Protein backbone atom coordinates (compact mmCIF):
# COMPACT_ATOMS: atom_id res chain seq x y z
CA UNK A 1 0.00 0.00 0.00
CA UNK A 2 2.77 2.46 0.87
CA UNK A 3 4.50 1.93 -2.49
CA UNK A 4 1.42 2.99 -4.43
CA UNK A 5 0.94 6.47 -2.97
CA UNK A 6 1.21 8.92 -5.87
CA UNK A 7 3.44 11.95 -5.47
CA UNK A 8 1.40 15.17 -5.53
CA UNK A 9 2.53 18.63 -6.56
CA UNK A 10 1.78 21.81 -4.60
CA UNK A 11 -1.64 22.13 -6.24
CA UNK A 12 -2.63 18.56 -5.35
CA UNK A 13 -2.20 17.10 -8.84
CA UNK A 14 -0.34 13.84 -9.42
CA UNK A 15 3.22 14.30 -10.64
CA UNK A 16 4.58 12.53 -13.70
CA UNK A 17 8.11 11.95 -14.89
CA UNK A 18 9.58 12.99 -18.26
CA UNK A 19 8.00 9.99 -20.00
CA UNK A 20 4.54 10.62 -18.54
CA UNK A 21 4.63 7.85 -15.94
CA UNK A 22 3.21 8.58 -12.54
CA UNK A 23 5.69 9.28 -9.74
CA UNK A 24 5.25 7.61 -6.35
CA UNK A 25 6.42 8.58 -2.88
CA UNK A 26 9.41 6.77 -1.45
CA UNK A 27 7.90 3.97 0.67
CA UNK A 28 10.79 4.04 3.16
CA UNK A 29 10.24 7.74 3.80
CA UNK A 30 6.47 7.25 4.11
CA UNK A 31 7.02 4.45 6.62
CA UNK A 32 9.49 6.56 8.62
CA UNK A 33 7.05 9.50 8.80
CA UNK A 34 4.20 7.23 9.89
CA UNK A 35 6.20 5.32 12.49
CA UNK A 36 7.44 8.60 13.97
CA UNK A 37 4.02 10.23 14.20
CA UNK A 38 2.10 7.12 15.27
CA UNK A 39 4.32 6.28 18.24
CA UNK A 40 1.84 7.93 20.64
CA UNK A 41 -0.93 5.55 19.59
CA UNK A 42 -2.24 3.43 22.46
CA UNK A 43 -5.35 1.80 20.97
CA UNK A 44 -6.73 1.43 17.47
CA UNK A 45 -9.16 4.27 18.27
CA UNK A 46 -6.17 6.63 18.47
CA UNK A 47 -5.03 5.84 14.93
CA UNK A 48 -7.51 7.84 12.85
CA UNK A 49 -7.25 11.08 14.89
CA UNK A 50 -3.45 10.89 14.62
CA UNK A 51 -3.65 10.32 10.86
CA UNK A 52 -6.12 13.19 10.44
CA UNK A 53 -3.85 15.50 12.41
CA UNK A 54 -0.90 14.45 10.26
CA UNK A 55 -2.91 15.03 7.08
CA UNK A 56 -2.75 18.80 7.67
CA UNK A 57 0.97 18.79 6.77
CA UNK A 58 1.08 15.63 4.64
CA UNK A 59 -1.83 15.63 2.16
CA UNK A 60 -0.99 12.12 0.92
CA UNK A 61 -2.22 10.78 4.26
CA UNK A 62 -5.76 11.33 2.96
CA UNK A 63 -5.25 8.46 0.52
CA UNK A 64 -4.24 6.17 3.38
CA UNK A 65 -7.24 7.23 5.48
CA UNK A 66 -9.63 6.55 2.60
CA UNK A 67 -8.14 3.12 1.95
CA UNK A 68 -8.21 2.15 5.63
CA UNK A 69 -11.83 3.24 6.02
CA UNK A 70 -12.84 0.92 3.16
CA UNK A 71 -10.93 -2.18 4.30
CA UNK A 72 -11.30 -3.38 7.93
CA UNK A 73 -8.70 -6.13 7.50
CA UNK A 74 -6.11 -3.67 6.19
CA UNK A 75 -7.05 -1.29 9.02
CA UNK A 76 -6.17 -4.02 11.54
CA UNK A 77 -2.90 -4.89 9.79
CA UNK A 78 -1.94 -1.22 9.54
CA UNK A 79 -2.57 -0.76 13.26
CA UNK A 80 -0.49 -3.83 14.13
CA UNK A 81 2.40 -2.61 11.99
CA UNK A 82 2.51 0.94 13.33
CA UNK A 83 1.60 0.23 16.96
CA UNK A 84 4.99 0.37 18.62
CA UNK A 85 5.57 0.59 22.33
CA UNK A 86 7.81 3.47 23.24
CA UNK A 87 10.09 2.56 26.10
CA UNK A 88 12.12 5.44 27.52
CA UNK A 89 15.56 4.21 28.43
CA UNK A 90 18.03 6.07 30.57
CA UNK A 91 21.43 5.48 32.05
CA UNK A 92 22.38 6.66 35.48
CA UNK A 93 25.98 7.69 36.09
CA UNK A 94 27.65 8.52 39.37
C-alpha atoms as a PDB file:
ATOM      1  CA  UNK A   1       0.000   0.000   0.000  1.00  0.00           C
ATOM      2  CA  UNK A   2       2.774   2.463   0.866  1.00  0.00           C
ATOM      3  CA  UNK A   3       4.501   1.926  -2.486  1.00  0.00           C
ATOM      4  CA  UNK A   4       1.416   2.985  -4.429  1.00  0.00           C
ATOM      5  CA  UNK A   5       0.936   6.470  -2.967  1.00  0.00           C
ATOM      6  CA  UNK A   6       1.210   8.920  -5.865  1.00  0.00           C
ATOM      7  CA  UNK A   7       3.438  11.946  -5.472  1.00  0.00           C
ATOM      8  CA  UNK A   8       1.402  15.168  -5.532  1.00  0.00           C
ATOM      9  CA  UNK A   9       2.534  18.633  -6.557  1.00  0.00           C
ATOM     10  CA  UNK A  10       1.784  21.805  -4.597  1.00  0.00           C
ATOM     11  CA  UNK A  11      -1.643  22.129  -6.238  1.00  0.00           C
ATOM     12  CA  UNK A  12      -2.634  18.561  -5.352  1.00  0.00           C
ATOM     13  CA  UNK A  13      -2.204  17.097  -8.837  1.00  0.00           C
ATOM     14  CA  UNK A  14      -0.345  13.840  -9.419  1.00  0.00           C
ATOM     15  CA  UNK A  15       3.223  14.297 -10.636  1.00  0.00           C
ATOM     16  CA  UNK A  16       4.577  12.529 -13.705  1.00  0.00           C
ATOM     17  CA  UNK A  17       8.113  11.953 -14.890  1.00  0.00           C
ATOM     18  CA  UNK A  18       9.584  12.986 -18.256  1.00  0.00           C
ATOM     19  CA  UNK A  19       7.996   9.987 -19.996  1.00  0.00           C
ATOM     20  CA  UNK A  20       4.545  10.616 -18.544  1.00  0.00           C
ATOM     21  CA  UNK A  21       4.634   7.845 -15.940  1.00  0.00           C
ATOM     22  CA  UNK A  22       3.205   8.581 -12.542  1.00  0.00           C
ATOM     23  CA  UNK A  23       5.689   9.277  -9.737  1.00  0.00           C
ATOM     24  CA  UNK A  24       5.250   7.614  -6.352  1.00  0.00           C
ATOM     25  CA  UNK A  25       6.416   8.576  -2.883  1.00  0.00           C
ATOM     26  CA  UNK A  26       9.410   6.770  -1.450  1.00  0.00           C
ATOM     27  CA  UNK A  27       7.900   3.972   0.666  1.00  0.00           C
ATOM     28  CA  UNK A  28      10.787   4.042   3.163  1.00  0.00           C
ATOM     29  CA  UNK A  29      10.242   7.744   3.798  1.00  0.00           C
ATOM     30  CA  UNK A  30       6.465   7.255   4.109  1.00  0.00           C
ATOM     31  CA  UNK A  31       7.016   4.453   6.619  1.00  0.00           C
ATOM     32  CA  UNK A  32       9.488   6.559   8.615  1.00  0.00           C
ATOM     33  CA  UNK A  33       7.051   9.500   8.804  1.00  0.00           C
ATOM     34  CA  UNK A  34       4.197   7.230   9.885  1.00  0.00           C
ATOM     35  CA  UNK A  35       6.200   5.316  12.487  1.00  0.00           C
ATOM     36  CA  UNK A  36       7.444   8.599  13.971  1.00  0.00           C
ATOM     37  CA  UNK A  37       4.022  10.231  14.196  1.00  0.00           C
ATOM     38  CA  UNK A  38       2.102   7.118  15.266  1.00  0.00           C
ATOM     39  CA  UNK A  39       4.316   6.280  18.238  1.00  0.00           C
ATOM     40  CA  UNK A  40       1.842   7.932  20.643  1.00  0.00           C
ATOM     41  CA  UNK A  41      -0.935   5.551  19.586  1.00  0.00           C
ATOM     42  CA  UNK A  42      -2.243   3.428  22.462  1.00  0.00           C
ATOM     43  CA  UNK A  43      -5.352   1.796  20.968  1.00  0.00           C
ATOM     44  CA  UNK A  44      -6.732   1.427  17.465  1.00  0.00           C
ATOM     45  CA  UNK A  45      -9.160   4.266  18.265  1.00  0.00           C
ATOM     46  CA  UNK A  46      -6.171   6.631  18.473  1.00  0.00           C
ATOM     47  CA  UNK A  47      -5.026   5.840  14.933  1.00  0.00           C
ATOM     48  CA  UNK A  48      -7.507   7.845  12.847  1.00  0.00           C
ATOM     49  CA  UNK A  49      -7.249  11.076  14.888  1.00  0.00           C
ATOM     50  CA  UNK A  50      -3.449  10.891  14.617  1.00  0.00           C
ATOM     51  CA  UNK A  51      -3.651  10.324  10.864  1.00  0.00           C
ATOM     52  CA  UNK A  52      -6.123  13.195  10.435  1.00  0.00           C
ATOM     53  CA  UNK A  53      -3.845  15.495  12.408  1.00  0.00           C
ATOM     54  CA  UNK A  54      -0.900  14.454  10.256  1.00  0.00           C
ATOM     55  CA  UNK A  55      -2.915  15.030   7.079  1.00  0.00           C
ATOM     56  CA  UNK A  56      -2.745  18.797   7.666  1.00  0.00           C
ATOM     57  CA  UNK A  57       0.974  18.794   6.768  1.00  0.00           C
ATOM     58  CA  UNK A  58       1.082  15.633   4.644  1.00  0.00           C
ATOM     59  CA  UNK A  59      -1.831  15.626   2.158  1.00  0.00           C
ATOM     60  CA  UNK A  60      -0.991  12.123   0.916  1.00  0.00           C
ATOM     61  CA  UNK A  61      -2.220  10.782   4.265  1.00  0.00           C
ATOM     62  CA  UNK A  62      -5.756  11.333   2.959  1.00  0.00           C
ATOM     63  CA  UNK A  63      -5.252   8.459   0.516  1.00  0.00           C
ATOM     64  CA  UNK A  64      -4.241   6.172   3.379  1.00  0.00           C
ATOM     65  CA  UNK A  65      -7.245   7.229   5.482  1.00  0.00           C
ATOM     66  CA  UNK A  66      -9.632   6.550   2.598  1.00  0.00           C
ATOM     67  CA  UNK A  67      -8.136   3.119   1.949  1.00  0.00           C
ATOM     68  CA  UNK A  68      -8.210   2.151   5.630  1.00  0.00           C
ATOM     69  CA  UNK A  69     -11.830   3.242   6.017  1.00  0.00           C
ATOM     70  CA  UNK A  70     -12.836   0.921   3.162  1.00  0.00           C
ATOM     71  CA  UNK A  71     -10.929  -2.177   4.297  1.00  0.00           C
ATOM     72  CA  UNK A  72     -11.295  -3.382   7.928  1.00  0.00           C
ATOM     73  CA  UNK A  73      -8.695  -6.133   7.496  1.00  0.00           C
ATOM     74  CA  UNK A  74      -6.114  -3.666   6.193  1.00  0.00           C
ATOM     75  CA  UNK A  75      -7.045  -1.285   9.025  1.00  0.00           C
ATOM     76  CA  UNK A  76      -6.170  -4.016  11.537  1.00  0.00           C
ATOM     77  CA  UNK A  77      -2.899  -4.891   9.791  1.00  0.00           C
ATOM     78  CA  UNK A  78      -1.937  -1.224   9.538  1.00  0.00           C
ATOM     79  CA  UNK A  79      -2.572  -0.758  13.259  1.00  0.00           C
ATOM     80  CA  UNK A  80      -0.490  -3.828  14.128  1.00  0.00           C
ATOM     81  CA  UNK A  81       2.399  -2.606  11.994  1.00  0.00           C
ATOM     82  CA  UNK A  82       2.507   0.938  13.328  1.00  0.00           C
ATOM     83  CA  UNK A  83       1.602   0.233  16.958  1.00  0.00           C
ATOM     84  CA  UNK A  84       4.992   0.368  18.618  1.00  0.00           C
ATOM     85  CA  UNK A  85       5.568   0.592  22.333  1.00  0.00           C
ATOM     86  CA  UNK A  86       7.807   3.473  23.244  1.00  0.00           C
ATOM     87  CA  UNK A  87      10.090   2.564  26.096  1.00  0.00           C
ATOM     88  CA  UNK A  88      12.120   5.437  27.525  1.00  0.00           C
ATOM     89  CA  UNK A  89      15.565   4.207  28.432  1.00  0.00           C
ATOM     90  CA  UNK A  90      18.032   6.065  30.566  1.00  0.00           C
ATOM     91  CA  UNK A  91      21.426   5.477  32.048  1.00  0.00           C
ATOM     92  CA  UNK A  92      22.385   6.664  35.481  1.00  0.00           C
ATOM     93  CA  UNK A  93      25.976   7.689  36.091  1.00  0.00           C
ATOM     94  CA  UNK A  94      27.647   8.518  39.373  1.00  0.00           C
END
